[in-house]
Amino acid sequence: MIGKLKGLIDSFGDDFVILDVQGVGYVVQCSSRTLQKLPRVGEACALAIETQVREDAIRLFGFLTNGERDWFRLLQSVQGVGSKVALAILGVLPPDQLTSAIGMQDKAAVARAPGVGPKLAARIVAELKDKAPAFGTVDPMAAKLAGEAEAKDTPRAVQDAISALVNLGYGRPQAASAVAASVKALGESAEASALIRRGLKELAQ
């Protein structure tokens, strides 16, 4: 089984890269996010590899980190999630955001991936919620904000910023995570308008 490949980028396809390893071209399927972060043609690249052997084919899946590969494996433990859907999810949610989304039961974030409907997203977060902490940490502030409507100890600016993002169409877990990150960057005394602007930037990443 192949666990890692290191070579030169030969060419790109819609959902794969051909990696030249000492004259042998390996077709490696990757998420859209991974493909965007790979070096240019002719440059060196190393990928963590997941090898899947089927009766009619051997397929290679490539990842920039072992953590991303671990999530790829874990996602497929959920009924209805195959390699294509797992890559689609990792294409919209990098490992740290996926950990947070599942830890905070943010079905809407998972459902952003192509081919993932509300029911499948709900099944994914429900079945993996106890396993997510092993793959990273969930921001305590984000988890706290996501689970409360109006807490007395939460600054009004923070509450207003979350409400504004929710009114713009974002789910509360997404809004809470973005505002929590904004508070860390700008400080607890930041005004709501600044938290909203920063939060929108966080959500756009």
Protein backbone atom coordinates (compact mmCIF):
# COMPACT_ATOMS: atom_id res chain seq x y z
CA MET A 1 0.00 0.00 0.00
CA ILE A 2 1.21 3.50 -0.81
CA GLY A 3 1.22 5.88 2.16
CA LYS A 4 3.20 8.81 0.76
CA LEU A 5 4.42 10.10 -2.59
CA LYS A 6 7.10 12.70 -3.23
CA GLY A 7 7.87 13.95 -6.72
CA LEU A 8 7.24 16.70 -9.25
CA ILE A 9 3.88 18.08 -10.36
CA ASP A 10 3.34 16.84 -13.92
CA SER A 11 -0.17 18.14 -14.67
CA PHE A 12 -3.60 18.83 -13.20
CA GLY A 13 -7.10 17.54 -13.92
CA ASP A 14 -10.47 18.67 -12.60
CA ASP A 15 -10.19 16.52 -9.49
CA PHE A 16 -6.71 15.03 -9.66
CA VAL A 17 -3.03 15.75 -10.05
CA ILE A 18 -0.45 13.62 -11.83
CA LEU A 19 2.65 13.35 -9.67
CA ASP A 20 5.88 12.33 -11.43
CA VAL A 21 7.88 10.12 -9.09
CA GLN A 22 11.18 9.21 -10.76
CA GLY A 23 9.56 8.95 -14.18
CA VAL A 24 6.35 7.21 -13.08
CA GLY A 25 3.19 9.33 -13.23
CA TYR A 26 0.75 8.64 -10.41
CA VAL A 27 -2.84 9.86 -10.79
CA VAL A 28 -3.80 11.17 -7.35
CA GLN A 29 -7.32 12.40 -6.61
CA CYS A 30 -7.53 15.41 -4.29
CA SER A 31 -10.10 17.76 -2.81
CA SER A 32 -10.58 21.10 -4.56
CA ARG A 33 -8.95 22.88 -1.61
CA THR A 34 -5.88 20.65 -1.77
CA LEU A 35 -5.54 21.15 -5.53
CA GLN A 36 -5.61 24.92 -5.07
CA LYS A 37 -2.76 24.75 -2.57
CA LEU A 38 -0.44 22.52 -4.59
CA PRO A 39 2.70 23.95 -6.23
CA ARG A 40 2.84 24.75 -9.93
CA VAL A 41 3.68 22.28 -12.70
CA GLY A 42 7.31 21.21 -12.51
CA GLU A 43 7.69 21.97 -8.80
CA ALA A 44 8.33 19.47 -6.02
CA CYS A 45 5.45 18.16 -3.94
CA ALA A 46 4.87 15.60 -1.19
CA LEU A 47 1.44 14.12 -0.48
CA ALA A 48 0.07 11.83 2.20
CA ILE A 49 -1.67 9.03 0.30
CA GLU A 50 -4.70 6.88 0.99
CA THR A 51 -4.78 3.81 -1.25
CA GLN A 52 -8.11 2.17 -2.01
CA VAL A 53 -8.06 -1.19 -3.74
CA ARG A 54 -11.15 -2.36 -5.58
CA GLU A 55 -11.74 -5.37 -7.79
CA ASP A 56 -11.49 -3.25 -10.92
CA ALA A 57 -9.13 -0.47 -9.88
CA ILE A 58 -6.55 0.92 -7.48
CA ARG A 59 -7.21 4.56 -6.57
CA LEU A 60 -4.90 7.00 -4.85
CA PHE A 61 -6.12 9.97 -2.82
CA GLY A 62 -3.70 12.72 -1.86
CA PHE A 63 -3.62 15.10 1.13
CA LEU A 64 -1.32 17.87 2.30
CA THR A 65 -1.40 16.62 5.90
CA ASN A 66 -1.90 13.34 7.72
CA GLY A 67 -4.76 15.00 9.62
CA GLU A 68 -6.68 15.62 6.42
CA ARG A 69 -6.15 11.99 5.42
CA ASP A 70 -7.41 10.83 8.83
CA TRP A 71 -10.60 12.87 8.36
CA PHE A 72 -11.03 11.37 4.88
CA ARG A 73 -10.97 7.91 6.43
CA LEU A 74 -13.25 8.84 9.32
CA LEU A 75 -15.87 10.49 7.13
CA GLN A 76 -16.24 7.29 5.13
CA SER A 77 -17.16 5.38 8.28
CA VAL A 78 -20.55 7.13 8.05
CA GLN A 79 -23.17 5.33 5.96
CA GLY A 80 -23.75 7.18 2.70
CA VAL A 81 -20.32 8.82 2.63
CA GLY A 82 -17.97 7.51 -0.04
CA SER A 83 -14.67 8.87 -1.26
CA LYS A 84 -16.31 11.45 -3.54
CA VAL A 85 -18.45 12.94 -0.78
CA ALA A 86 -15.56 12.85 1.72
CA LEU A 87 -13.39 14.83 -0.71
CA ALA A 88 -16.23 17.27 -1.32
CA ILE A 89 -16.55 17.94 2.42
CA LEU A 90 -12.79 18.44 2.78
CA GLY A 91 -12.97 20.75 -0.22
CA VAL A 92 -15.14 23.24 1.71
CA LEU A 93 -13.96 22.53 5.27
CA PRO A 94 -10.28 22.12 6.13
CA PRO A 95 -9.60 19.76 9.08
CA ASP A 96 -9.68 22.44 11.81
CA GLN A 97 -13.01 23.85 10.59
CA LEU A 98 -14.45 20.35 10.16
CA THR A 99 -13.47 19.51 13.73
CA SER A 100 -15.23 22.64 14.98
CA ALA A 101 -18.30 22.07 12.80
CA ILE A 102 -18.81 18.53 14.07
CA GLY A 103 -17.91 19.42 17.64
CA MET A 104 -20.56 22.17 17.63
CA GLN A 105 -23.07 20.06 15.65
CA ASP A 106 -23.05 22.59 12.80
CA LYS A 107 -25.04 20.66 10.20
CA ALA A 108 -25.30 23.70 7.92
CA ALA A 109 -21.51 23.94 7.55
CA VAL A 110 -21.21 20.28 6.53
CA ALA A 111 -24.17 20.61 4.16
CA ARG A 112 -22.26 23.27 2.17
CA ALA A 113 -20.36 20.45 0.47
CA PRO A 114 -21.66 19.37 -2.95
CA GLY A 115 -23.69 16.17 -2.71
CA VAL A 116 -24.36 16.52 1.03
CA GLY A 117 -28.01 17.09 1.87
CA PRO A 118 -29.48 18.04 5.27
CA LYS A 119 -30.17 14.43 6.29
CA LEU A 120 -26.66 13.23 5.47
CA ALA A 121 -25.11 16.27 7.18
CA ALA A 122 -27.15 15.52 10.31
CA ARG A 123 -26.00 11.89 10.25
CA ILE A 124 -22.35 12.91 9.86
CA VAL A 125 -22.30 15.31 12.81
CA ALA A 126 -24.32 12.92 14.98
CA GLU A 127 -22.15 9.87 14.33
CA LEU A 128 -18.80 11.67 14.52
CA LYS A 129 -19.44 14.09 17.41
CA ASP A 130 -17.64 11.86 19.93
CA LYS A 131 -14.71 11.29 17.60
CA ALA A 132 -14.08 14.89 16.54
CA PRO A 133 -12.07 15.92 19.66
CA ALA A 134 -9.45 13.31 18.80
CA PHE A 135 -8.75 15.18 15.57
CA GLY A 136 -8.32 18.61 17.08
CA THR A 137 -9.76 21.06 19.56
CA VAL A 138 -13.06 22.87 19.50
CA ASP A 139 -12.83 26.52 20.53
CA PRO A 140 -14.53 26.69 23.97
CA MET A 141 -15.72 30.25 23.33
CA ALA A 142 -17.24 29.29 19.98
CA ALA A 143 -18.96 26.26 21.49
CA LYS A 144 -20.32 28.42 24.33
CA LEU A 145 -21.62 31.14 22.00
CA ALA A 146 -23.13 28.59 19.62
CA GLY A 147 -25.20 27.03 22.38
CA GLU A 148 -26.64 30.13 23.97
CA ALA A 149 -29.15 32.69 22.81
CA GLU A 150 -28.68 35.54 25.28
CA ALA A 151 -26.13 34.94 28.05
CA LYS A 152 -25.74 37.55 30.76
CA ASP A 153 -21.95 37.26 30.81
CA THR A 154 -21.59 37.67 27.04
CA PRO A 155 -20.78 41.25 25.94
CA ARG A 156 -23.61 42.99 24.09
CA ALA A 157 -21.32 43.68 21.12
CA VAL A 158 -20.62 39.97 20.76
CA GLN A 159 -24.31 39.09 20.93
CA ASP A 160 -25.15 41.81 18.40
CA ALA A 161 -22.43 40.62 16.02
CA ILE A 162 -23.68 37.04 16.14
CA SER A 163 -27.27 38.16 15.59
CA ALA A 164 -26.21 40.26 12.60
CA LEU A 165 -24.41 37.34 10.96
CA VAL A 166 -27.37 35.03 11.63
CA ASN A 167 -29.67 37.62 10.01
CA LEU A 168 -27.38 37.56 6.97
CA GLY A 169 -28.17 33.87 6.55
CA TYR A 170 -25.35 32.13 8.41
CA GLY A 171 -26.11 29.36 10.89
CA ARG A 172 -25.62 30.21 14.56
CA PRO A 173 -22.67 27.78 14.96
CA GLN A 174 -20.91 29.38 11.97
CA ALA A 175 -21.63 32.89 13.22
CA ALA A 176 -20.48 32.04 16.74
CA SER A 177 -17.24 30.51 15.48
CA ALA A 178 -16.52 33.56 13.29
CA VAL A 179 -17.24 36.03 16.10
CA ALA A 180 -15.19 34.03 18.59
CA ALA A 181 -12.23 34.22 16.20
CA SER A 182 -12.87 37.93 15.77
CA VAL A 183 -12.84 38.53 19.52
CA LYS A 184 -9.48 36.76 19.77
CA ALA A 185 -8.07 38.94 17.00
CA LEU A 186 -9.58 42.30 18.00
CA GLY A 187 -9.96 41.97 21.76
CA GLU A 188 -12.97 41.72 24.05
CA SER A 189 -13.58 45.48 23.91
CA ALA A 190 -14.14 45.50 20.13
CA GLU A 191 -17.36 47.09 18.90
CA ALA A 192 -20.06 45.07 17.17
CA SER A 193 -19.41 46.67 13.77
CA ALA A 194 -15.74 45.66 13.90
CA LEU A 195 -16.63 42.12 14.98
CA ILE A 196 -19.13 41.84 12.11
CA ARG A 197 -16.59 42.98 9.51
CA ARG A 198 -13.95 40.62 10.87
CA GLY A 199 -16.50 37.83 11.17
CA LEU A 200 -17.45 38.14 7.50
CA LYS A 201 -13.79 37.83 6.56
CA GLU A 202 -13.50 34.69 8.70
CA LEU A 203 -16.56 33.19 7.03
CA ALA A 204 -15.22 34.01 3.57
CA GLN A 205 -12.03 31.99 4.09
